[in-house]
Amino acid sequence: MKRSLKWFAVLTTIGMLFILLGGALVTKTDSGMGCGRSWPLCNGEFIPSEITIELVIELAHRLVSGVVGIMVLILSVWSWKTIGHIRETKFLSLLSFFFLVLQGLIGAAAVMWGQSDFVLAVHFGISLISFAAVLLLTLLIFEIDKKFEAEKLILDNRMQKHIIGVSLYSFVVVYTGALVRHVNASLVCRDWPLCINSEFGLPSNFYEWVQMGHRFAAGLIFIWIGYITYLAIKHYRHQKVIYWGWIISFTLVSLQVASGALVVLTRLNLGIALAHAFFISCLFGVLSYFILLSSRSKKNAVLINQPKEAENKKVSADTITVQ
């Protein structure tokens, strides 16, 4: 059963990636209204009579989301029963399914009643949380037979603060990127990295400010992750999970920045745009894993310090007795 659970968890994680990329495809091709103001049916019909490319994209995204949603529910219940003794399992099981349902409801509300671009931009971030929870559940399942080095990790306070800070900040990057798509500001600045549409290269309207705001946010996370990677290489070479984890993170954020530039320079090539969404999804998954490691590090530190404290108390008691 555990082997079956592992395979099912992997398939569910891949399915969550398809949901993220499918949502990005719907937005980038303006297919959100491909089925009209009708949900879950398409133009009020179970089998649409008029087929358009927008309808196919939107309907396919709904079908994939529905199937994967059932898979996430099964995985949550299965994990709860099989590895519920692991500390993080129940929380991640609830988190994965709750946020998947939430993003589905937001999508349905956007179709039926419409939503502002600022609200719709939250949609991708909510999907990312669900994806990260499923990914972490999968990693926990694979720990059943082989304990990763993560079980013994001890992170210093500086690294833990960087992990929490850059993970929270990644939401800013995700939100501003989603806002760029939803307000149709992807190509408002046809130069990169600056927006040389006006005098002095400064944004001159709302759309340019949205675009440049996202570029600034992306540049900052690139520098931040680069610095953390430097710390990991310098101080955590002996802890391979941290060492290689941050190297992978820096590789992903570099690919994210490069694909973002190519989106502009290629005038919104669809394949590159989807790769842009893929890289940030993978990066968020890795950062979420670092959050898990950070929480375990605190627990490990407590367990290590307890014997030391007990030994110190014993030594003190022996000293008093001798005196």
Protein backbone atom coordinates (compact mmCIF):
# COMPACT_ATOMS: atom_id res chain seq x y z
CA MET A 1 0.00 0.00 0.00
CA LYS A 2 2.84 2.41 0.78
CA ARG A 3 4.27 1.97 -2.71
CA SER A 4 0.84 2.65 -4.20
CA LEU A 5 0.54 5.72 -2.00
CA LYS A 6 3.89 7.01 -3.25
CA TRP A 7 2.89 6.65 -6.90
CA PHE A 8 -0.48 8.25 -6.25
CA ALA A 9 1.17 11.16 -4.42
CA VAL A 10 3.56 11.77 -7.34
CA LEU A 11 0.69 11.71 -9.86
CA THR A 12 -1.31 14.12 -7.69
CA THR A 13 1.65 16.51 -7.45
CA ILE A 14 2.06 16.44 -11.24
CA GLY A 15 -1.69 17.02 -11.55
CA MET A 16 -1.40 20.11 -9.35
CA LEU A 17 1.29 21.43 -11.68
CA PHE A 18 -1.10 20.95 -14.61
CA ILE A 19 -3.72 22.99 -12.73
CA LEU A 20 -1.24 25.83 -12.20
CA LEU A 21 -0.10 25.81 -15.83
CA GLY A 22 -3.68 25.41 -17.04
CA GLY A 23 -4.75 28.45 -15.07
CA ALA A 24 -1.85 30.42 -16.51
CA LEU A 25 -2.83 29.26 -20.01
CA VAL A 26 -6.43 30.38 -19.47
CA THR A 27 -5.25 33.84 -18.40
CA LYS A 28 -2.63 34.27 -21.10
CA THR A 29 -5.02 33.25 -23.89
CA ASP A 30 -7.95 35.30 -22.49
CA SER A 31 -10.03 32.11 -22.28
CA GLY A 32 -11.58 32.86 -18.90
CA MET A 33 -14.96 33.50 -20.52
CA GLY A 34 -14.65 30.63 -22.99
CA CYS A 35 -17.71 29.01 -21.44
CA GLY A 36 -19.60 32.27 -20.92
CA ARG A 37 -21.19 33.18 -17.59
CA SER A 38 -21.89 29.52 -16.87
CA TRP A 39 -20.33 27.21 -14.29
CA PRO A 40 -19.77 24.25 -14.04
CA LEU A 41 -21.58 23.83 -17.40
CA CYS A 42 -20.29 25.47 -20.57
CA ASN A 43 -22.67 28.12 -21.97
CA GLY A 44 -25.41 26.37 -20.01
CA GLU A 45 -24.84 23.10 -21.89
CA PHE A 46 -23.43 19.79 -20.71
CA ILE A 47 -21.99 19.18 -24.19
CA PRO A 48 -21.24 22.53 -25.89
CA SER A 49 -22.75 22.93 -29.35
CA GLU A 50 -20.38 25.68 -30.53
CA ILE A 51 -16.70 24.85 -30.11
CA THR A 52 -14.03 27.57 -29.95
CA ILE A 53 -10.39 27.39 -28.91
CA GLU A 54 -11.17 29.51 -25.83
CA LEU A 55 -13.96 27.11 -24.87
CA VAL A 56 -11.66 24.08 -25.24
CA ILE A 57 -8.96 25.67 -23.05
CA GLU A 58 -11.40 26.76 -20.33
CA LEU A 59 -13.33 23.47 -20.32
CA ALA A 60 -10.13 21.40 -20.25
CA HIS A 61 -8.90 23.43 -17.28
CA ARG A 62 -12.16 22.81 -15.43
CA LEU A 63 -12.04 19.07 -16.12
CA VAL A 64 -8.41 18.75 -15.01
CA SER A 65 -9.14 20.78 -11.87
CA GLY A 66 -12.10 18.55 -11.03
CA VAL A 67 -10.20 15.29 -11.50
CA VAL A 68 -7.14 16.50 -9.60
CA GLY A 69 -9.40 17.89 -6.87
CA ILE A 70 -10.75 14.38 -6.28
CA MET A 71 -7.18 13.05 -6.29
CA VAL A 72 -6.14 15.60 -3.67
CA LEU A 73 -9.07 14.59 -1.45
CA ILE A 74 -8.14 10.90 -1.76
CA LEU A 75 -4.47 11.68 -1.06
CA SER A 76 -5.39 13.74 2.00
CA VAL A 77 -7.53 10.98 3.52
CA TRP A 78 -5.08 8.23 2.54
CA SER A 79 -2.11 10.12 4.01
CA TRP A 80 -4.05 10.92 7.17
CA LYS A 81 -4.73 7.20 7.77
CA THR A 82 -1.30 5.93 6.70
CA ILE A 83 1.21 8.47 8.04
CA GLY A 84 -0.99 10.49 10.37
CA HIS A 85 1.54 9.91 13.15
CA ILE A 86 4.00 12.25 11.40
CA ARG A 87 3.64 15.71 12.87
CA GLU A 88 2.94 17.69 9.69
CA THR A 89 0.65 15.22 7.88
CA LYS A 90 -2.78 16.23 9.13
CA PHE A 91 -2.11 19.94 8.75
CA LEU A 92 -0.86 19.53 5.17
CA SER A 93 -3.78 17.26 4.30
CA LEU A 94 -6.29 19.89 5.39
CA LEU A 95 -4.30 22.73 3.82
CA SER A 96 -4.00 21.10 0.39
CA PHE A 97 -7.69 20.35 -0.02
CA PHE A 98 -8.97 23.58 1.57
CA PHE A 99 -6.97 25.89 -0.68
CA LEU A 100 -7.76 23.81 -3.78
CA VAL A 101 -11.47 24.20 -3.07
CA LEU A 102 -10.96 27.90 -2.33
CA GLN A 103 -9.23 28.58 -5.65
CA GLY A 104 -12.01 26.68 -7.44
CA LEU A 105 -14.67 28.81 -5.78
CA ILE A 106 -12.83 32.02 -6.66
CA GLY A 107 -12.59 30.85 -10.27
CA ALA A 108 -16.29 30.00 -10.35
CA ALA A 109 -17.21 33.37 -8.82
CA ALA A 110 -15.09 35.16 -11.42
CA VAL A 111 -16.98 33.40 -14.23
CA MET A 112 -20.49 33.87 -12.85
CA TRP A 113 -20.30 37.34 -11.32
CA GLY A 114 -16.95 38.76 -12.35
CA GLN A 115 -14.14 39.95 -10.08
CA SER A 116 -11.70 42.83 -10.06
CA ASP A 117 -8.22 42.22 -11.43
CA PHE A 118 -6.78 42.73 -7.96
CA VAL A 119 -8.91 39.87 -6.57
CA LEU A 120 -8.25 37.58 -9.53
CA ALA A 121 -4.49 38.05 -9.06
CA VAL A 122 -4.81 36.22 -5.71
CA HIS A 123 -6.08 33.12 -7.53
CA PHE A 124 -2.64 31.89 -8.63
CA GLY A 125 -1.15 32.37 -5.16
CA ILE A 126 -3.91 30.31 -3.56
CA SER A 127 -3.29 27.53 -6.09
CA LEU A 128 0.41 27.66 -5.24
CA ILE A 129 -0.32 27.05 -1.55
CA SER A 130 -2.36 23.96 -2.41
CA PHE A 131 0.39 22.72 -4.75
CA ALA A 132 3.05 23.24 -2.08
CA ALA A 133 0.98 21.34 0.51
CA VAL A 134 0.57 18.39 -1.88
CA LEU A 135 4.30 18.45 -2.68
CA LEU A 136 5.23 18.41 1.01
CA LEU A 137 2.77 15.56 1.64
CA THR A 138 4.50 13.63 -1.13
CA LEU A 139 7.92 14.25 0.44
CA LEU A 140 6.60 13.05 3.82
CA ILE A 141 5.29 9.88 2.19
CA PHE A 142 8.72 9.19 0.69
CA GLU A 143 10.23 9.57 4.16
CA ILE A 144 8.38 6.46 5.34
CA ASP A 145 11.14 4.07 4.32
CA LYS A 146 14.15 6.39 4.18
CA LYS A 147 14.72 9.24 6.55
CA PHE A 148 16.23 12.22 4.79
CA GLU A 149 19.12 14.15 6.25
CA ALA A 150 16.47 16.76 7.04
CA GLU A 151 15.63 14.82 10.20
CA LYS A 152 18.94 15.90 11.76
CA LEU A 153 19.26 19.46 10.46
CA ILE A 154 20.07 22.34 12.74
CA LEU A 155 19.75 25.80 11.16
CA ASP A 156 21.07 28.98 12.75
CA ASN A 157 18.71 31.87 13.45
CA ARG A 158 19.97 33.91 10.50
CA MET A 159 19.18 31.14 8.01
CA GLN A 160 15.75 30.52 9.55
CA LYS A 161 14.88 34.21 9.32
CA HIS A 162 15.99 34.32 5.69
CA ILE A 163 13.87 31.25 4.89
CA ILE A 164 10.72 32.70 6.45
CA GLY A 165 11.33 36.17 5.02
CA VAL A 166 12.04 35.16 1.41
CA SER A 167 9.17 32.63 1.43
CA LEU A 168 6.67 35.28 2.53
CA TYR A 169 8.15 37.79 0.10
CA SER A 170 7.73 35.32 -2.76
CA PHE A 171 3.98 35.95 -2.46
CA VAL A 172 4.64 39.59 -3.40
CA VAL A 173 6.46 38.43 -6.52
CA VAL A 174 3.69 35.97 -7.38
CA TYR A 175 0.92 38.50 -6.80
CA THR A 176 2.56 41.28 -8.83
CA GLY A 177 3.24 38.82 -11.66
CA ALA A 178 -0.38 37.65 -11.68
CA LEU A 179 -1.54 41.28 -11.60
CA VAL A 180 0.58 42.01 -14.68
CA ARG A 181 -1.32 39.30 -16.57
CA HIS A 182 -4.78 40.23 -15.32
CA VAL A 183 -4.49 43.95 -16.16
CA ASN A 184 -2.96 43.09 -19.57
CA ALA A 185 0.30 44.88 -18.78
CA SER A 186 2.63 42.13 -20.03
CA LEU A 187 3.85 44.08 -23.07
CA VAL A 188 3.22 47.62 -21.92
CA CYS A 189 7.01 48.00 -21.53
CA ARG A 190 8.65 46.58 -24.63
CA ASP A 191 12.17 47.10 -23.30
CA TRP A 192 14.00 45.18 -20.58
CA PRO A 193 15.04 45.63 -17.82
CA LEU A 194 13.88 49.28 -17.85
CA CYS A 195 10.70 50.71 -19.32
CA ILE A 196 12.01 53.20 -21.87
CA ASN A 197 8.61 54.36 -23.06
CA SER A 198 8.82 57.82 -21.56
CA GLU A 199 11.34 60.45 -20.53
CA PHE A 200 14.00 59.30 -18.04
CA GLY A 201 12.71 55.70 -18.39
CA LEU A 202 10.22 56.14 -15.53
CA PRO A 203 6.71 54.62 -15.72
CA SER A 204 4.15 57.13 -16.93
CA ASN A 205 0.87 55.31 -16.27
CA PHE A 206 -0.74 52.66 -14.08
CA TYR A 207 0.08 49.74 -16.39
CA GLU A 208 3.74 50.65 -16.60
CA TRP A 209 3.92 50.97 -12.82
CA VAL A 210 2.41 47.48 -12.45
CA GLN A 211 4.92 46.03 -14.91
CA MET A 212 7.94 47.78 -13.39
CA GLY A 213 6.75 47.00 -9.87
CA HIS A 214 6.83 43.30 -10.73
CA ARG A 215 10.28 43.61 -12.30
CA PHE A 216 11.60 45.33 -9.19
CA ALA A 217 10.05 42.64 -6.95
CA ALA A 218 11.56 39.89 -9.13
CA GLY A 219 14.98 41.58 -9.10
CA LEU A 220 14.93 41.82 -5.32
CA ILE A 221 14.08 38.14 -4.78
CA PHE A 222 16.83 37.22 -7.26
CA ILE A 223 19.39 39.15 -5.19
CA TRP A 224 17.98 37.84 -1.89
CA ILE A 225 18.07 34.18 -2.95
CA GLY A 226 21.54 34.73 -4.41
CA TYR A 227 22.76 35.98 -1.02
CA ILE A 228 21.15 33.06 0.86
CA THR A 229 22.76 30.66 -1.62
CA TYR A 230 26.12 32.27 -0.84
CA LEU A 231 25.50 31.66 2.89
CA ALA A 232 24.49 28.05 2.22
CA ILE A 233 27.63 27.37 0.17
CA LYS A 234 29.83 29.02 2.81
CA HIS A 235 28.31 27.57 5.99
CA TYR A 236 26.22 24.52 5.05
CA ARG A 237 28.41 22.57 2.67
CA HIS A 238 28.23 19.58 5.06
CA GLN A 239 24.40 19.65 5.08
CA LYS A 240 23.55 18.56 1.56
CA VAL A 241 19.82 19.25 1.76
CA ILE A 242 20.43 22.92 2.52
CA TYR A 243 23.47 23.21 0.24
CA TRP A 244 21.85 21.75 -2.88
CA GLY A 245 18.42 23.09 -2.01
CA TRP A 246 19.59 26.69 -2.25
CA ILE A 247 21.62 26.02 -5.37
CA ILE A 248 18.44 24.64 -6.96
CA SER A 249 16.51 27.68 -5.69
CA PHE A 250 19.02 30.08 -7.23
CA THR A 251 18.89 28.15 -10.51
CA LEU A 252 15.08 28.36 -10.54
CA VAL A 253 14.97 32.07 -9.71
CA SER A 254 17.57 32.72 -12.44
CA LEU A 255 15.42 30.82 -14.95
CA GLN A 256 12.42 32.78 -13.70
CA VAL A 257 14.11 36.12 -14.35
CA ALA A 258 15.46 34.99 -17.73
CA SER A 259 12.07 33.67 -18.88
CA GLY A 260 10.42 36.91 -17.71
CA ALA A 261 12.81 38.90 -19.87
CA LEU A 262 12.19 36.59 -22.83
CA VAL A 263 8.43 36.99 -22.43
CA VAL A 264 8.92 40.69 -23.18
CA LEU A 265 11.61 40.32 -25.83
CA THR A 266 9.67 37.62 -27.74
CA ARG A 267 6.46 39.62 -27.44
CA LEU A 268 4.63 37.13 -25.19
CA ASN A 269 5.64 33.78 -26.64
CA LEU A 270 3.15 31.34 -25.10
CA GLY A 271 5.66 28.55 -24.42
CA ILE A 272 8.05 30.90 -22.62
CA ALA A 273 5.16 32.46 -20.69
CA LEU A 274 4.09 29.02 -19.42
CA ALA A 275 7.71 28.22 -18.52
CA HIS A 276 7.71 31.46 -16.50
CA ALA A 277 4.75 30.15 -14.47
CA PHE A 278 6.37 26.71 -14.14
CA PHE A 279 9.64 28.04 -12.69
CA ILE A 280 7.93 30.15 -10.02
CA SER A 281 5.74 27.18 -9.06
CA CYS A 282 8.79 24.95 -8.57
CA LEU A 283 10.61 27.69 -6.67
CA PHE A 284 7.67 28.17 -4.32
CA GLY A 285 7.61 24.41 -3.70
CA VAL A 286 11.30 24.41 -2.73
CA LEU A 287 10.84 27.43 -0.44
CA SER A 288 7.90 25.67 1.22
CA TYR A 289 10.14 22.67 1.86
CA PHE A 290 12.65 24.98 3.51
CA ILE A 291 9.86 26.19 5.82
CA LEU A 292 9.27 22.56 6.81
CA LEU A 293 13.00 22.09 7.44
CA SER A 294 13.09 25.24 9.54
CA SER A 295 10.27 24.01 11.78
CA ARG A 296 12.07 20.68 12.20
CA SER A 297 15.32 22.46 12.98
CA LYS A 298 13.72 24.21 15.95
CA LYS A 299 12.39 20.88 17.20
CA ASN A 300 15.82 19.25 16.79
CA ALA A 301 17.50 22.12 18.64
CA VAL A 302 15.13 21.64 21.60
CA LEU A 303 15.77 17.88 21.68
CA ILE A 304 19.55 18.40 21.60
CA ASN A 305 19.50 21.08 24.29
CA GLN A 306 17.34 19.09 26.71
CA PRO A 307 20.04 16.47 27.51
CA LYS A 308 22.61 19.26 27.90
CA GLU A 309 20.37 21.13 30.33
CA ALA A 310 19.72 17.94 32.28
CA GLU A 311 23.46 17.22 32.44
CA ASN A 312 24.17 20.77 33.65
CA LYS A 313 21.54 20.43 36.38
CA LYS A 314 23.06 17.09 37.43
CA VAL A 315 26.54 18.59 37.60
CA SER A 316 25.24 21.49 39.69
CA ALA A 317 23.46 19.11 42.06
CA ASP A 318 26.60 16.98 42.47
CA THR A 319 28.65 20.07 43.21
CA ILE A 320 26.22 21.19 45.92
CA THR A 321 26.26 17.69 47.43
CA VAL A 322 30.07 17.61 47.59
CA GLN A 323 30.17 21.01 49.22
